[in-house]
Amino acid sequence: MVRTLVLPAYNEEKHIADMVRRSAPHVDHVIVIDNCSSDGTLREARQAGAITLHHCVNLGKAGSLKTGCEMALKLGSDVIAFMDSDGQHEPEDLPRFFRVLEEERLDIVIGRRADLRTMPPIRKLGTTLIALATKLLFKIDVKDVQSGFRVFRANIYEKIKWNSTGSAHYFADAEITARVGLAGLPCKEIEIRTIYHDKYKGMNALQGLNLLWRVFFWRLVF
């Protein structure tokens, strides 16, 4: 079974090499998509041993994930993993994701951030509302709809392929979750620890409202 990790990266010079090296023992391929970074992200990823692809223009996270999936499929991957490149996810969790996917015969496993319980009240409310709307409209009970750490079988890619782009490129993870529910694919969340290296992470209130509106919009157009 060929397992491939896709790491979308934009100006992640500080973390990308560490992510590649720590992930490599757990997968067959590590693909880094450099999304038109202005720093040394591409150089660091190459030196760490990743397969590297470079966007000449910024296509956002959604575009980078698509590029990575297309390359993973060309490599004959059976399982594709997504992680964020900023060091907030722990590559050592990958074997646990793969094990749950296989042992429970699932199509996708999503990481649920443990710090959801300790979020500031306004962010916790927004996250809860988005999760409830997704459950109501797409029949999928996922608490961390926007988690960037997920592992799925390559043969479901066409069923979960997302349209989010432009200013909404950071909604790709939520759109994938909605499409998983719409297709009725076997799915499970497992808890993960999240390490924040930067002072601010996550959406602001306006972005959260925009995503909540899009969840309803997706139900109309999918």
N, C-alpha and C. Protein backbone atom coordinates (compact mmCIF):
# COMPACT_ATOMS: atom_id res chain seq x y z
N MET A 1 0.84 -1.20 0.00
CA MET A 1 0.00 0.00 0.00
C MET A 1 0.88 1.25 0.00
N VAL A 2 0.66 2.11 -0.97
CA VAL A 2 1.48 3.32 -1.11
C VAL A 2 0.79 4.48 -0.37
N ARG A 3 1.52 5.06 0.55
CA ARG A 3 1.00 6.17 1.36
C ARG A 3 1.78 7.44 1.06
N THR A 4 1.05 8.51 0.79
CA THR A 4 1.69 9.77 0.40
C THR A 4 1.16 10.91 1.26
N LEU A 5 2.08 11.72 1.75
CA LEU A 5 1.72 12.91 2.53
C LEU A 5 1.83 14.14 1.65
N VAL A 6 0.80 14.97 1.67
CA VAL A 6 0.78 16.23 0.93
C VAL A 6 0.88 17.38 1.93
N LEU A 7 1.88 18.23 1.74
CA LEU A 7 2.09 19.38 2.62
C LEU A 7 2.00 20.68 1.80
N PRO A 8 0.88 21.39 1.87
CA PRO A 8 0.81 22.70 1.21
C PRO A 8 1.60 23.71 2.04
N ALA A 9 2.42 24.52 1.39
CA ALA A 9 3.31 25.39 2.16
C ALA A 9 3.40 26.78 1.55
N TYR A 10 3.28 27.78 2.40
CA TYR A 10 3.47 29.17 1.98
C TYR A 10 4.31 29.87 3.05
N ASN A 11 5.51 30.23 2.70
CA ASN A 11 6.44 30.90 3.62
C ASN A 11 6.59 30.13 4.95
N GLU A 12 6.94 28.85 4.82
CA GLU A 12 7.13 28.00 6.00
C GLU A 12 8.59 27.53 6.11
N GLU A 13 9.50 28.42 5.80
CA GLU A 13 10.92 28.10 5.83
C GLU A 13 11.37 27.55 7.19
N LYS A 14 10.78 28.06 8.25
CA LYS A 14 11.20 27.67 9.60
C LYS A 14 10.81 26.25 9.97
N HIS A 15 9.72 25.76 9.42
CA HIS A 15 9.17 24.47 9.88
C HIS A 15 9.19 23.34 8.86
N ILE A 16 9.27 23.67 7.57
CA ILE A 16 9.01 22.65 6.55
C ILE A 16 10.01 21.50 6.56
N ALA A 17 11.29 21.78 6.76
CA ALA A 17 12.29 20.70 6.75
C ALA A 17 12.04 19.72 7.89
N ASP A 18 11.72 20.24 9.06
CA ASP A 18 11.43 19.39 10.21
C ASP A 18 10.20 18.53 9.95
N MET A 19 9.17 19.10 9.34
CA MET A 19 7.96 18.35 9.03
C MET A 19 8.26 17.22 8.03
N VAL A 20 9.07 17.52 7.03
CA VAL A 20 9.40 16.51 6.01
C VAL A 20 10.20 15.37 6.64
N ARG A 21 11.22 15.70 7.40
CA ARG A 21 12.08 14.66 7.99
C ARG A 21 11.33 13.79 8.99
N ARG A 22 10.47 14.38 9.78
CA ARG A 22 9.73 13.60 10.78
C ARG A 22 8.63 12.76 10.14
N SER A 23 8.12 13.19 9.00
CA SER A 23 7.06 12.46 8.32
C SER A 23 7.58 11.30 7.48
N ALA A 24 8.78 11.48 6.92
CA ALA A 24 9.31 10.52 5.95
C ALA A 24 9.30 9.06 6.41
N PRO A 25 9.61 8.74 7.68
CA PRO A 25 9.60 7.33 8.09
C PRO A 25 8.22 6.67 8.06
N HIS A 26 7.17 7.46 7.99
CA HIS A 26 5.81 6.92 8.11
C HIS A 26 5.07 6.81 6.78
N VAL A 27 5.66 7.35 5.70
CA VAL A 27 5.00 7.34 4.39
C VAL A 27 5.99 6.95 3.31
N ASP A 28 5.45 6.67 2.14
CA ASP A 28 6.31 6.34 1.00
C ASP A 28 6.80 7.59 0.27
N HIS A 29 5.97 8.62 0.26
CA HIS A 29 6.33 9.88 -0.40
C HIS A 29 5.88 11.06 0.44
N VAL A 30 6.70 12.11 0.45
CA VAL A 30 6.28 13.39 1.02
C VAL A 30 6.32 14.40 -0.12
N ILE A 31 5.18 15.01 -0.41
CA ILE A 31 5.09 16.02 -1.46
C ILE A 31 4.88 17.38 -0.81
N VAL A 32 5.73 18.33 -1.12
CA VAL A 32 5.56 19.70 -0.64
C VAL A 32 5.20 20.57 -1.84
N ILE A 33 4.08 21.27 -1.73
CA ILE A 33 3.67 22.22 -2.77
C ILE A 33 3.98 23.62 -2.26
N ASP A 34 4.99 24.22 -2.86
CA ASP A 34 5.38 25.57 -2.48
C ASP A 34 4.48 26.55 -3.22
N ASN A 35 3.65 27.25 -2.47
CA ASN A 35 2.63 28.11 -3.07
C ASN A 35 3.15 29.53 -3.27
N CYS A 36 4.17 29.64 -4.14
CA CYS A 36 4.74 30.95 -4.49
C CYS A 36 5.29 31.67 -3.26
N SER A 37 6.03 30.93 -2.43
CA SER A 37 6.61 31.51 -1.22
C SER A 37 7.70 32.53 -1.59
N SER A 38 7.89 33.50 -0.71
CA SER A 38 8.93 34.51 -0.92
C SER A 38 10.17 34.23 -0.07
N ASP A 39 10.13 33.12 0.69
CA ASP A 39 11.29 32.77 1.52
C ASP A 39 11.93 31.48 0.99
N GLY A 40 12.64 30.76 1.83
CA GLY A 40 13.37 29.57 1.40
C GLY A 40 12.60 28.27 1.57
N THR A 41 11.28 28.32 1.56
CA THR A 41 10.47 27.11 1.76
C THR A 41 10.84 26.02 0.75
N LEU A 42 10.91 26.36 -0.51
CA LEU A 42 11.18 25.38 -1.56
C LEU A 42 12.55 24.75 -1.36
N ARG A 43 13.55 25.56 -1.09
CA ARG A 43 14.92 25.06 -0.88
C ARG A 43 14.98 24.11 0.31
N GLU A 44 14.38 24.51 1.42
CA GLU A 44 14.41 23.69 2.63
C GLU A 44 13.70 22.35 2.42
N ALA A 45 12.59 22.38 1.72
CA ALA A 45 11.84 21.14 1.46
C ALA A 45 12.64 20.19 0.59
N ARG A 46 13.30 20.71 -0.42
CA ARG A 46 14.12 19.87 -1.30
C ARG A 46 15.29 19.25 -0.55
N GLN A 47 15.95 20.07 0.24
CA GLN A 47 17.10 19.57 0.98
C GLN A 47 16.71 18.51 2.01
N ALA A 48 15.48 18.58 2.49
CA ALA A 48 15.00 17.60 3.47
C ALA A 48 14.57 16.30 2.81
N GLY A 49 14.49 16.29 1.47
CA GLY A 49 14.18 15.05 0.76
C GLY A 49 12.78 14.93 0.22
N ALA A 50 12.01 16.01 0.24
CA ALA A 50 10.63 15.94 -0.26
C ALA A 50 10.60 16.03 -1.79
N ILE A 51 9.53 15.49 -2.37
CA ILE A 51 9.19 15.78 -3.75
C ILE A 51 8.59 17.18 -3.74
N THR A 52 9.12 18.08 -4.53
CA THR A 52 8.67 19.47 -4.46
C THR A 52 8.02 19.92 -5.76
N LEU A 53 6.93 20.66 -5.61
CA LEU A 53 6.24 21.29 -6.73
C LEU A 53 6.08 22.76 -6.37
N HIS A 54 6.20 23.63 -7.37
CA HIS A 54 6.19 25.06 -7.11
C HIS A 54 5.12 25.76 -7.95
N HIS A 55 4.24 26.50 -7.27
CA HIS A 55 3.27 27.33 -7.97
C HIS A 55 3.91 28.68 -8.30
N CYS A 56 3.81 29.09 -9.56
CA CYS A 56 4.38 30.37 -9.97
C CYS A 56 3.51 31.54 -9.53
N VAL A 57 2.23 31.25 -9.26
CA VAL A 57 1.32 32.25 -8.69
C VAL A 57 0.65 31.61 -7.48
N ASN A 58 0.20 32.43 -6.56
CA ASN A 58 -0.40 31.92 -5.33
C ASN A 58 -1.81 31.40 -5.61
N LEU A 59 -1.99 30.08 -5.46
CA LEU A 59 -3.30 29.45 -5.68
C LEU A 59 -4.01 29.12 -4.38
N GLY A 60 -3.44 29.55 -3.26
CA GLY A 60 -4.06 29.29 -1.97
C GLY A 60 -3.91 27.84 -1.54
N LYS A 61 -4.35 27.56 -0.33
CA LYS A 61 -4.24 26.20 0.20
C LYS A 61 -5.05 25.21 -0.64
N ALA A 62 -6.25 25.61 -1.06
CA ALA A 62 -7.09 24.71 -1.84
C ALA A 62 -6.40 24.26 -3.12
N GLY A 63 -5.78 25.22 -3.82
CA GLY A 63 -5.07 24.89 -5.05
C GLY A 63 -3.87 24.00 -4.80
N SER A 64 -3.17 24.26 -3.71
CA SER A 64 -2.00 23.45 -3.37
C SER A 64 -2.39 22.01 -3.05
N LEU A 65 -3.49 21.83 -2.33
CA LEU A 65 -3.95 20.49 -2.01
C LEU A 65 -4.32 19.72 -3.28
N LYS A 66 -4.95 20.40 -4.23
CA LYS A 66 -5.30 19.74 -5.49
C LYS A 66 -4.04 19.32 -6.25
N THR A 67 -3.08 20.21 -6.34
CA THR A 67 -1.83 19.89 -7.03
C THR A 67 -1.17 18.68 -6.37
N GLY A 68 -1.16 18.67 -5.04
CA GLY A 68 -0.56 17.55 -4.31
C GLY A 68 -1.28 16.24 -4.55
N CYS A 69 -2.62 16.29 -4.57
CA CYS A 69 -3.40 15.07 -4.82
C CYS A 69 -3.15 14.52 -6.22
N GLU A 70 -3.08 15.41 -7.19
CA GLU A 70 -2.85 14.96 -8.57
C GLU A 70 -1.48 14.29 -8.70
N MET A 71 -0.48 14.83 -8.01
CA MET A 71 0.84 14.21 -8.02
C MET A 71 0.81 12.88 -7.28
N ALA A 72 0.12 12.83 -6.15
CA ALA A 72 0.03 11.59 -5.37
C ALA A 72 -0.61 10.47 -6.21
N LEU A 73 -1.63 10.82 -6.98
CA LEU A 73 -2.28 9.83 -7.83
C LEU A 73 -1.34 9.34 -8.92
N LYS A 74 -0.53 10.23 -9.47
CA LYS A 74 0.45 9.84 -10.49
C LYS A 74 1.49 8.89 -9.91
N LEU A 75 1.75 9.01 -8.63
CA LEU A 75 2.72 8.14 -7.96
C LEU A 75 2.11 6.80 -7.56
N GLY A 76 0.83 6.61 -7.87
CA GLY A 76 0.17 5.35 -7.56
C GLY A 76 -0.22 5.20 -6.11
N SER A 77 -0.51 6.30 -5.45
CA SER A 77 -0.84 6.27 -4.02
C SER A 77 -2.18 5.60 -3.77
N ASP A 78 -2.23 4.82 -2.71
CA ASP A 78 -3.49 4.21 -2.25
C ASP A 78 -4.13 5.04 -1.16
N VAL A 79 -3.29 5.71 -0.36
CA VAL A 79 -3.77 6.54 0.74
C VAL A 79 -3.05 7.89 0.68
N ILE A 80 -3.81 8.95 0.88
CA ILE A 80 -3.26 10.31 0.86
C ILE A 80 -3.51 10.96 2.21
N ALA A 81 -2.49 11.62 2.73
CA ALA A 81 -2.60 12.34 4.01
C ALA A 81 -2.39 13.83 3.77
N PHE A 82 -3.14 14.65 4.50
CA PHE A 82 -2.95 16.10 4.52
C PHE A 82 -2.49 16.51 5.92
N MET A 83 -1.52 17.37 5.98
CA MET A 83 -1.13 18.01 7.24
C MET A 83 -0.78 19.46 6.93
N ASP A 84 -0.85 20.32 7.93
CA ASP A 84 -0.38 21.69 7.77
C ASP A 84 1.14 21.71 7.90
N SER A 85 1.76 22.68 7.25
CA SER A 85 3.22 22.73 7.19
C SER A 85 3.87 23.62 8.25
N ASP A 86 3.06 24.20 9.13
CA ASP A 86 3.59 25.16 10.09
C ASP A 86 4.02 24.53 11.41
N GLY A 87 4.05 23.20 11.46
CA GLY A 87 4.52 22.52 12.67
C GLY A 87 3.46 22.31 13.73
N GLN A 88 2.22 22.67 13.45
CA GLN A 88 1.19 22.51 14.49
C GLN A 88 0.73 21.06 14.63
N HIS A 89 0.93 20.26 13.57
CA HIS A 89 0.58 18.84 13.64
C HIS A 89 1.82 17.99 13.89
N GLU A 90 1.62 16.86 14.52
CA GLU A 90 2.73 15.98 14.85
C GLU A 90 2.76 14.81 13.87
N PRO A 91 3.81 14.72 13.03
CA PRO A 91 3.92 13.63 12.07
C PRO A 91 3.89 12.25 12.71
N GLU A 92 4.29 12.17 13.96
CA GLU A 92 4.29 10.89 14.67
C GLU A 92 2.88 10.33 14.86
N ASP A 93 1.85 11.15 14.61
CA ASP A 93 0.47 10.69 14.67
C ASP A 93 0.05 9.93 13.41
N LEU A 94 0.81 10.04 12.34
CA LEU A 94 0.41 9.43 11.07
C LEU A 94 0.13 7.92 11.19
N PRO A 95 0.99 7.13 11.84
CA PRO A 95 0.69 5.69 11.93
C PRO A 95 -0.65 5.39 12.60
N ARG A 96 -1.04 6.22 13.56
CA ARG A 96 -2.33 6.02 14.23
C ARG A 96 -3.48 6.25 13.26
N PHE A 97 -3.36 7.27 12.42
CA PHE A 97 -4.38 7.53 11.40
C PHE A 97 -4.48 6.36 10.43
N PHE A 98 -3.34 5.89 9.95
CA PHE A 98 -3.33 4.78 9.00
C PHE A 98 -3.94 3.52 9.61
N ARG A 99 -3.62 3.28 10.87
CA ARG A 99 -4.12 2.08 11.54
C ARG A 99 -5.65 2.13 11.68
N VAL A 100 -6.17 3.28 12.10
CA VAL A 100 -7.62 3.42 12.26
C VAL A 100 -8.31 3.28 10.90
N LEU A 101 -7.74 3.89 9.87
CA LEU A 101 -8.31 3.81 8.52
C LEU A 101 -8.45 2.36 8.08
N GLU A 102 -7.40 1.56 8.31
CA GLU A 102 -7.40 0.17 7.85
C GLU A 102 -8.24 -0.74 8.75
N GLU A 103 -7.99 -0.66 10.05
CA GLU A 103 -8.65 -1.58 10.97
C GLU A 103 -10.16 -1.39 11.00
N GLU A 104 -10.61 -0.14 10.84
CA GLU A 104 -12.04 0.13 10.89
C GLU A 104 -12.68 0.27 9.52
N ARG A 105 -11.88 -0.01 8.49
CA ARG A 105 -12.37 -0.01 7.11
C ARG A 105 -13.09 1.29 6.75
N LEU A 106 -12.42 2.38 7.02
CA LEU A 106 -12.97 3.71 6.76
C LEU A 106 -12.45 4.25 5.43
N ASP A 107 -13.09 5.29 4.96
CA ASP A 107 -12.59 6.00 3.77
C ASP A 107 -11.78 7.23 4.14
N ILE A 108 -12.06 7.79 5.33
CA ILE A 108 -11.33 8.99 5.74
C ILE A 108 -11.29 9.08 7.26
N VAL A 109 -10.16 9.55 7.78
CA VAL A 109 -9.99 9.80 9.21
C VAL A 109 -9.57 11.26 9.37
N ILE A 110 -10.26 11.98 10.24
CA ILE A 110 -10.02 13.41 10.44
C ILE A 110 -9.50 13.65 11.85
N GLY A 111 -8.49 14.48 11.98
CA GLY A 111 -7.94 14.82 13.29
C GLY A 111 -8.78 15.89 13.97
N ARG A 112 -9.17 15.64 15.21
CA ARG A 112 -9.93 16.62 15.99
C ARG A 112 -9.00 17.27 17.00
N ARG A 113 -8.80 18.56 16.89
CA ARG A 113 -7.88 19.27 17.77
C ARG A 113 -8.37 19.22 19.22
N ALA A 114 -7.49 18.79 20.11
CA ALA A 114 -7.85 18.67 21.52
C ALA A 114 -8.19 20.02 22.14
N ASP A 115 -7.63 21.11 21.60
CA ASP A 115 -7.86 22.42 22.20
C ASP A 115 -9.21 23.03 21.83
N LEU A 116 -10.06 22.30 21.11
CA LEU A 116 -11.40 22.81 20.83
C LEU A 116 -12.15 23.12 22.12
N ARG A 117 -11.83 22.34 23.17
CA ARG A 117 -12.55 22.50 24.45
C ARG A 117 -12.12 23.76 25.18
N THR A 118 -10.95 24.29 24.86
CA THR A 118 -10.42 25.44 25.61
C THR A 118 -10.32 26.71 24.75
N MET A 119 -11.00 26.71 23.62
CA MET A 119 -11.00 27.89 22.75
C MET A 119 -11.66 29.08 23.45
N PRO A 120 -11.30 30.31 23.05
CA PRO A 120 -12.05 31.48 23.52
C PRO A 120 -13.52 31.31 23.17
N PRO A 121 -14.43 31.80 24.02
CA PRO A 121 -15.87 31.58 23.82
C PRO A 121 -16.39 31.89 22.42
N ILE A 122 -15.98 33.01 21.82
CA ILE A 122 -16.52 33.40 20.52
C ILE A 122 -16.07 32.43 19.43
N ARG A 123 -14.82 31.97 19.50
CA ARG A 123 -14.33 31.00 18.51
C ARG A 123 -14.98 29.64 18.73
N LYS A 124 -15.17 29.29 19.98
CA LYS A 124 -15.80 28.00 20.28
C LYS A 124 -17.24 27.99 19.76
N LEU A 125 -17.95 29.13 19.93
CA LEU A 125 -19.32 29.23 19.43
C LEU A 125 -19.36 29.07 17.91
N GLY A 126 -18.45 29.77 17.23
CA GLY A 126 -18.41 29.69 15.77
C GLY A 126 -18.11 28.28 15.29
N THR A 127 -17.14 27.63 15.92
CA THR A 127 -16.78 26.27 15.55
C THR A 127 -17.94 25.32 15.77
N THR A 128 -18.66 25.51 16.88
CA THR A 128 -19.80 24.66 17.19
C THR A 128 -20.94 24.86 16.19
N LEU A 129 -21.22 26.12 15.83
CA LEU A 129 -22.28 26.40 14.87
C LEU A 129 -21.98 25.80 13.49
N ILE A 130 -20.72 25.90 13.07
CA ILE A 130 -20.33 25.34 11.77
C ILE A 130 -20.47 23.82 11.80
N ALA A 131 -20.06 23.20 12.92
CA ALA A 131 -20.17 21.74 13.04
C ALA A 131 -21.64 21.31 13.04
N LEU A 132 -22.50 22.06 13.74
CA LEU A 132 -23.92 21.72 13.79
C LEU A 132 -24.58 21.87 12.41
N ALA A 133 -24.21 22.95 11.71
CA ALA A 133 -24.78 23.16 10.37
C ALA A 133 -24.34 22.05 9.42
N THR A 134 -23.10 21.65 9.51
CA THR A 134 -22.59 20.58 8.66
C THR A 134 -23.28 19.26 8.97
N LYS A 135 -23.50 19.01 10.26
CA LYS A 135 -24.20 17.78 10.66
C LYS A 135 -25.64 17.79 10.16
N LEU A 136 -26.31 18.92 10.31
CA LEU A 136 -27.71 19.03 9.91
C LEU A 136 -27.88 18.89 8.40
N LEU A 137 -27.02 19.55 7.64
CA LEU A 137 -27.19 19.62 6.20
C LEU A 137 -26.54 18.47 5.43
N PHE A 138 -25.47 17.91 6.01
CA PHE A 138 -24.73 16.88 5.27
C PHE A 138 -24.66 15.54 6.00
N LYS A 139 -25.34 15.44 7.15
CA LYS A 139 -25.44 14.17 7.88
C LYS A 139 -24.08 13.58 8.24
N ILE A 140 -23.18 14.44 8.69
CA ILE A 140 -21.86 13.97 9.13
C ILE A 140 -21.54 14.62 10.47
N ASP A 141 -21.24 13.81 11.46
CA ASP A 141 -21.01 14.30 12.82
C ASP A 141 -19.51 14.47 13.06
N VAL A 142 -19.00 15.62 12.64
CA VAL A 142 -17.58 15.95 12.81
C VAL A 142 -17.48 17.25 13.58
N LYS A 143 -16.77 17.23 14.68
CA LYS A 143 -16.66 18.42 15.54
C LYS A 143 -15.65 19.43 15.00
N ASP A 144 -14.58 18.93 14.36
CA ASP A 144 -13.52 19.82 13.85
C ASP A 144 -13.57 19.83 12.33
N VAL A 145 -14.58 20.50 11.81
CA VAL A 145 -14.86 20.50 10.38
C VAL A 145 -13.68 21.00 9.56
N GLN A 146 -12.91 21.93 10.12
CA GLN A 146 -11.82 22.56 9.37
C GLN A 146 -10.44 21.99 9.67
N SER A 147 -10.37 20.88 10.33
CA SER A 147 -9.07 20.30 10.65
C SER A 147 -8.25 20.07 9.38
N GLY A 148 -6.98 20.47 9.42
CA GLY A 148 -6.10 20.28 8.27
C GLY A 148 -5.37 18.95 8.28
N PHE A 149 -5.56 18.15 9.33
CA PHE A 149 -4.90 16.85 9.44
C PHE A 149 -5.95 15.78 9.13
N ARG A 150 -5.80 15.14 8.00
CA ARG A 150 -6.74 14.09 7.61
C ARG A 150 -6.06 13.09 6.68
N VAL A 151 -6.55 11.87 6.71
CA VAL A 151 -6.01 10.79 5.88
C VAL A 151 -7.18 10.12 5.18
N PHE A 152 -7.06 9.87 3.88
CA PHE A 152 -8.17 9.27 3.14
C PHE A 152 -7.66 8.35 2.03
N ARG A 153 -8.56 7.48 1.58
CA ARG A 153 -8.23 6.57 0.49
C ARG A 153 -8.23 7.36 -0.83
N ALA A 154 -7.22 7.12 -1.64
CA ALA A 154 -7.07 7.87 -2.89
C ALA A 154 -8.25 7.69 -3.83
N ASN A 155 -8.92 6.54 -3.73
CA ASN A 155 -10.01 6.27 -4.68
C ASN A 155 -11.28 7.08 -4.39
N ILE A 156 -11.30 7.87 -3.31
CA ILE A 156 -12.47 8.73 -3.06
C ILE A 156 -12.21 10.17 -3.50
N TYR A 157 -11.03 10.44 -4.05
CA TYR A 157 -10.67 11.83 -4.38
C TYR A 157 -11.72 12.53 -5.25
N GLU A 158 -12.19 11.85 -6.28
CA GLU A 158 -13.16 12.49 -7.18
C GLU A 158 -14.47 12.80 -6.47
N LYS A 159 -14.81 12.04 -5.42
CA LYS A 159 -16.04 12.28 -4.68
C LYS A 159 -15.94 13.46 -3.72
N ILE A 160 -14.72 13.76 -3.28
CA ILE A 160 -14.55 14.83 -2.29
C ILE A 160 -13.85 16.05 -2.88
N LYS A 161 -13.60 16.05 -4.16
CA LYS A 161 -12.87 17.13 -4.81
C LYS A 161 -13.59 18.46 -4.60
N TRP A 162 -12.89 19.44 -4.13
CA TRP A 162 -13.46 20.70 -3.66
C TRP A 162 -13.36 21.78 -4.73
N ASN A 163 -14.23 22.79 -4.58
CA ASN A 163 -14.25 23.93 -5.50
C ASN A 163 -13.74 25.21 -4.86
N SER A 164 -13.56 25.21 -3.56
CA SER A 164 -13.11 26.42 -2.86
C SER A 164 -11.82 26.94 -3.48
N THR A 165 -11.80 28.24 -3.72
CA THR A 165 -10.64 28.85 -4.36
C THR A 165 -10.65 30.34 -4.05
N GLY A 166 -9.73 31.07 -4.62
CA GLY A 166 -9.70 32.52 -4.41
C GLY A 166 -9.60 32.88 -2.94
N SER A 167 -10.40 33.85 -2.51
CA SER A 167 -10.35 34.30 -1.12
C SER A 167 -10.87 33.25 -0.15
N ALA A 168 -11.57 32.22 -0.68
CA ALA A 168 -12.13 31.17 0.18
C ALA A 168 -11.26 29.91 0.16
N HIS A 169 -10.00 30.05 -0.24
CA HIS A 169 -9.15 28.87 -0.38
C HIS A 169 -8.97 28.12 0.94
N TYR A 170 -9.11 28.84 2.07
CA TYR A 170 -8.91 28.19 3.36
C TYR A 170 -10.16 27.43 3.83
N PHE A 171 -11.20 27.40 2.99
CA PHE A 171 -12.40 26.63 3.31
C PHE A 171 -12.35 25.21 2.75
N ALA A 172 -11.26 24.84 2.10
CA ALA A 172 -11.18 23.54 1.43
C ALA A 172 -11.44 22.39 2.40
N ASP A 173 -10.85 22.43 3.58
CA ASP A 173 -11.03 21.33 4.54
C ASP A 173 -12.50 21.18 4.94
N ALA A 174 -13.17 22.30 5.15
CA ALA A 174 -14.59 22.25 5.50
C ALA A 174 -15.42 21.71 4.34
N GLU A 175 -15.08 22.12 3.12
CA GLU A 175 -15.82 21.64 1.96
C GLU A 175 -15.63 20.14 1.77
N ILE A 176 -14.40 19.67 1.98
CA ILE A 176 -14.14 18.22 1.89
C ILE A 176 -15.01 17.48 2.89
N THR A 177 -15.09 17.99 4.12
CA THR A 177 -15.90 17.35 5.16
C THR A 177 -17.36 17.27 4.72
N ALA A 178 -17.87 18.36 4.16
CA ALA A 178 -19.26 18.37 3.69
C ALA A 178 -19.47 17.34 2.58
N ARG A 179 -18.53 17.25 1.68
CA ARG A 179 -18.65 16.30 0.56
C ARG A 179 -18.56 14.86 1.04
N VAL A 180 -17.78 14.62 2.07
CA VAL A 180 -17.72 13.28 2.66
C VAL A 180 -19.10 12.89 3.19
N GLY A 181 -19.75 13.82 3.88
CA GLY A 181 -21.08 13.56 4.39
C GLY A 181 -22.09 13.35 3.29
N LEU A 182 -22.03 14.19 2.26
CA LEU A 182 -22.97 14.09 1.16
C LEU A 182 -22.85 12.75 0.43
N ALA A 183 -21.61 12.25 0.32
CA ALA A 183 -21.39 10.98 -0.36
C ALA A 183 -21.61 9.77 0.55
N GLY A 184 -21.81 10.03 1.86
CA GLY A 184 -22.05 8.94 2.80
C GLY A 184 -20.83 8.05 3.00
N LEU A 185 -19.65 8.63 2.96
CA LEU A 185 -18.41 7.85 3.09
C LEU A 185 -18.11 7.55 4.55
N PRO A 186 -17.66 6.34 4.87
CA PRO A 186 -17.31 5.99 6.26
C PRO A 186 -16.19 6.89 6.78
N CYS A 187 -16.43 7.54 7.90
CA CYS A 187 -15.52 8.57 8.41
C CYS A 187 -15.45 8.50 9.93
N LYS A 188 -14.31 8.88 10.48
CA LYS A 188 -14.16 8.94 11.93
C LYS A 188 -13.19 10.05 12.31
N GLU A 189 -13.45 10.69 13.45
CA GLU A 189 -12.51 11.66 14.03
C GLU A 189 -11.67 11.00 15.10
N ILE A 190 -10.40 11.36 15.19
CA ILE A 190 -9.56 10.96 16.31
C ILE A 190 -8.87 12.21 16.86
N GLU A 191 -8.68 12.25 18.14
CA GLU A 191 -8.14 13.44 18.78
C GLU A 191 -6.64 13.58 18.53
N ILE A 192 -6.20 14.81 18.29
CA ILE A 192 -4.79 15.10 18.08
C ILE A 192 -4.38 16.29 18.95
N ARG A 193 -3.11 16.33 19.26
CA ARG A 193 -2.55 17.49 19.96
C ARG A 193 -2.10 18.51 18.92
N THR A 194 -2.34 19.78 19.22
CA THR A 194 -1.96 20.85 18.29
C THR A 194 -0.95 21.77 18.95
N ILE A 195 0.12 22.09 18.22
CA ILE A 195 1.18 22.94 18.73
C ILE A 195 1.19 24.23 17.92
N TYR A 196 0.91 25.34 18.57
CA TYR A 196 0.88 26.61 17.87
C TYR A 196 2.20 27.35 18.07
N HIS A 197 2.93 27.53 16.97
CA HIS A 197 4.21 28.24 17.03
C HIS A 197 4.02 29.75 16.84
N ASP A 198 2.90 30.13 16.25
CA ASP A 198 2.63 31.54 16.02
C ASP A 198 1.59 32.05 17.01
N LYS A 199 1.57 33.36 17.18
CA LYS A 199 0.68 33.96 18.17
C LYS A 199 -0.78 33.81 17.80
N TYR A 200 -1.09 33.94 16.50
CA TYR A 200 -2.49 33.88 16.07
C TYR A 200 -2.69 32.73 15.09
N LYS A 201 -3.70 31.96 15.34
CA LYS A 201 -4.08 30.90 14.41
C LYS A 201 -5.59 30.84 14.33
N GLY A 202 -6.10 30.49 13.18
CA GLY A 202 -7.53 30.30 13.04
C GLY A 202 -8.22 31.49 12.39
N MET A 203 -9.49 31.32 12.10
CA MET A 203 -10.28 32.35 11.44
C MET A 203 -10.71 33.43 12.41
N ASN A 204 -10.94 34.62 11.86
CA ASN A 204 -11.55 35.66 12.67
C ASN A 204 -13.07 35.52 12.56
N ALA A 205 -13.80 36.38 13.27
CA ALA A 205 -15.26 36.25 13.32
C ALA A 205 -15.90 36.41 11.95
N LEU A 206 -15.40 37.36 11.15
CA LEU A 206 -15.97 37.59 9.83
C LEU A 206 -15.77 36.37 8.92
N GLN A 207 -14.59 35.79 8.96
CA GLN A 207 -14.33 34.59 8.16
C GLN A 207 -15.20 33.42 8.62
N GLY A 208 -15.41 33.35 9.94
CA GLY A 208 -16.27 32.29 10.47
C GLY A 208 -17.70 32.41 9.97
N LEU A 209 -18.22 33.63 9.94
CA LEU A 209 -19.57 33.86 9.42
C LEU A 209 -19.64 33.53 7.93
N ASN A 210 -18.59 33.88 7.21
CA ASN A 210 -18.53 33.57 5.79
C ASN A 210 -18.57 32.07 5.56
N LEU A 211 -17.83 31.31 6.37
CA LEU A 211 -17.83 29.86 6.23
C LEU A 211 -19.19 29.28 6.58
N LEU A 212 -19.81 29.80 7.63
CA LEU A 212 -21.13 29.31 8.02
C LEU A 212 -22.13 29.50 6.89
N TRP A 213 -22.07 30.66 6.24
CA TRP A 213 -22.95 30.91 5.08
C TRP A 213 -22.65 29.94 3.96
N ARG A 214 -21.38 29.65 3.73
CA ARG A 214 -21.01 28.76 2.64
C ARG A 214 -21.47 27.33 2.87
N VAL A 215 -21.53 26.91 4.13
CA VAL A 215 -22.03 25.57 4.42
C VAL A 215 -23.46 25.42 3.89
N PHE A 216 -24.28 26.45 4.12
CA PHE A 216 -25.65 26.43 3.61
C PHE A 216 -25.67 26.53 2.08
N PHE A 217 -24.78 27.35 1.54
CA PHE A 217 -24.69 27.51 0.08
C PHE A 217 -24.29 26.19 -0.58
N TRP A 218 -23.33 25.50 0.01
CA TRP A 218 -22.88 24.21 -0.56
C TRP A 218 -24.04 23.22 -0.65
N ARG A 219 -24.90 23.24 0.36
CA ARG A 219 -26.02 22.27 0.35
C ARG A 219 -26.96 22.54 -0.83
N LEU A 220 -27.04 23.78 -1.24
CA LEU A 220 -27.91 24.14 -2.37
C LEU A 220 -27.30 23.75 -3.70
N VAL A 221 -25.96 23.84 -3.82
CA VAL A 221 -25.34 23.67 -5.14
C VAL A 221 -24.72 22.30 -5.35
N PHE A 222 -24.39 21.56 -4.30
CA PHE A 222 -23.75 20.26 -4.50
C PHE A 222 -24.74 19.26 -5.09
